[in-house]
Structure formats: C-alpha cells, structure tokens
Amino acid sequence: MADDELFKALADPTRRTILDELAEQSGQTLFEICSRLAMKHGLGISRQGVSQHLAVLEAAGLVRTRREGRYKFHDLDTAPLRRITERWPPTDPTGPENTP
C-alpha cells in the first residue's frame, strides 16, 4: 500500500469527516454513515458518493469492512497513520522550536 493512497484519502474533507464519524462510532453501515453526514454535517451526498469515498478509505487501509448477514459494517483502522509518524518522527521536545 503506497503512501500516495494514504495521502490521497486524507486530502479530501468529506473523507476526513467520514473518518471522524467512524472514530466516534466504529462499525457503522453505509446507511448510518450517510445519515450522520446529513444530520450532523449537513452534507447532501448520495449513498453512491459515500460508498466511493469509503472505497478510497478502504484502499488506503483506513477503513476495514466486515459482513454480518446482509449488512456490511465499516470500522476505522488507524494503523496506516503510523507510517506518517514513522516517516517524519517528532523532533526533540527540548529543541529550539519549543522554546518560549
């Protein structure tokens, strides 16, 4: 999985909002995600549009899906975000940028 997919997934504000919603309550169905986006954020996006965003997030490894019966649940997976912190590790907290 390339870092480009991860950065592409994070670049879109709607996808970041979807991740915020899954961080608040993981294991949501497409219907639940669409409802939360419409009610909490006023986003008038179609189910197909949300599904496409979820596909990008899944390709980046940020969302995992699981089926239970006829329902498909979406779960947040923050593991790929570690690649960002490993790529640019935090600087020394006593460094000059943190001096008052």
Protein backbone atom coordinates (compact mmCIF):
# COMPACT_ATOMS: atom_id res chain seq x y z
CA MET A 1 0.00 0.00 0.00
CA ALA A 2 1.57 3.23 -1.15
CA ASP A 3 1.78 6.37 0.92
CA ASP A 4 0.21 8.18 -2.04
CA GLU A 5 -3.07 6.32 -1.42
CA LEU A 6 -2.97 7.31 2.23
CA PHE A 7 -2.35 10.99 1.50
CA LYS A 8 -5.00 10.98 -1.27
CA ALA A 9 -7.52 9.52 1.16
CA LEU A 10 -6.72 12.12 3.82
CA ALA A 11 -6.72 15.04 1.35
CA ASP A 12 -10.50 15.14 0.93
CA PRO A 13 -12.52 16.92 3.65
CA THR A 14 -15.53 14.60 3.20
CA ARG A 15 -13.35 11.55 3.74
CA ARG A 16 -11.84 13.14 6.85
CA THR A 17 -15.38 13.74 8.13
CA ILE A 18 -16.23 10.08 7.49
CA LEU A 19 -13.12 9.07 9.46
CA ASP A 20 -14.21 11.43 12.28
CA GLU A 21 -17.59 9.73 12.39
CA LEU A 22 -16.03 6.26 12.43
CA ALA A 23 -13.66 7.39 15.19
CA GLU A 24 -16.69 8.45 17.22
CA GLN A 25 -18.61 5.26 16.48
CA SER A 26 -16.91 2.44 14.60
CA GLY A 27 -18.87 -0.38 13.00
CA GLN A 28 -21.41 1.69 11.07
CA THR A 29 -23.33 0.65 8.00
CA LEU A 30 -23.45 2.78 4.85
CA PHE A 31 -26.94 3.95 5.83
CA GLU A 32 -25.73 5.06 9.27
CA ILE A 33 -22.76 6.92 7.83
CA CYS A 34 -24.96 8.69 5.26
CA SER A 35 -27.45 9.66 7.98
CA ARG A 36 -24.75 11.06 10.26
CA LEU A 37 -23.17 13.04 7.41
CA ALA A 38 -26.53 14.55 6.50
CA MET A 39 -27.78 15.28 10.02
CA LYS A 40 -24.59 16.30 11.83
CA HIS A 41 -22.68 17.92 8.99
CA GLY A 42 -25.35 18.99 6.50
CA LEU A 43 -23.65 17.08 3.71
CA GLY A 44 -26.10 16.22 0.95
CA ILE A 45 -24.05 13.43 -0.58
CA SER A 46 -25.59 10.37 -2.23
CA ARG A 47 -25.15 6.84 -0.91
CA GLN A 48 -23.12 6.10 -4.03
CA GLY A 49 -20.88 9.09 -3.30
CA VAL A 50 -20.29 7.97 0.29
CA SER A 51 -19.66 4.44 -0.96
CA GLN A 52 -16.98 5.76 -3.34
CA HIS A 53 -15.33 7.70 -0.51
CA LEU A 54 -15.37 4.56 1.64
CA ALA A 55 -13.70 2.62 -1.19
CA VAL A 56 -10.84 5.15 -1.28
CA LEU A 57 -10.50 4.95 2.52
CA GLU A 58 -10.54 1.15 2.35
CA ALA A 59 -7.87 1.12 -0.40
CA ALA A 60 -5.69 3.28 1.88
CA GLY A 61 -6.25 0.83 4.74
CA LEU A 62 -8.02 3.39 6.92
CA VAL A 63 -11.36 1.56 6.83
CA ARG A 64 -11.95 -2.16 7.22
CA THR A 65 -15.25 -3.77 6.31
CA ARG A 66 -16.94 -6.86 7.65
CA ARG A 67 -20.17 -8.57 6.69
CA GLU A 68 -22.74 -9.86 9.12
CA GLY A 69 -25.68 -11.35 7.30
CA ARG A 70 -26.88 -8.83 4.75
CA TYR A 71 -25.20 -5.90 6.49
CA LYS A 72 -21.75 -4.51 5.79
CA PHE A 73 -20.07 -2.70 8.68
CA HIS A 74 -17.24 -0.17 8.38
CA ASP A 75 -14.55 0.10 11.04
CA LEU A 76 -11.79 2.68 11.43
CA ASP A 77 -8.22 1.36 11.27
CA THR A 78 -5.62 3.93 12.33
CA ALA A 79 -2.61 1.64 11.75
CA PRO A 80 -1.70 3.27 8.39
CA LEU A 81 -1.38 6.63 10.13
CA ARG A 82 1.69 5.29 11.93
CA ARG A 83 3.55 5.37 8.60
CA ILE A 84 3.23 9.16 8.66
CA THR A 85 4.72 9.48 12.12
CA GLU A 86 7.44 6.98 11.24
CA ARG A 87 8.28 8.93 8.09
CA TRP A 88 8.54 12.22 9.98
CA PRO A 89 9.30 11.35 13.59
CA PRO A 90 8.68 14.03 16.22
CA THR A 91 11.60 16.31 16.89
CA ASP A 92 13.32 16.63 20.23
CA PRO A 93 10.77 18.26 22.60
CA THR A 94 13.57 20.35 24.11
CA GLY A 95 14.54 21.69 20.66
CA PRO A 96 14.55 25.37 19.66
CA GLU A 97 11.05 25.27 18.12
CA ASN A 98 9.56 24.62 21.57
CA THR A 99 11.49 27.30 23.41
CA PRO A 100 9.33 30.24 24.60
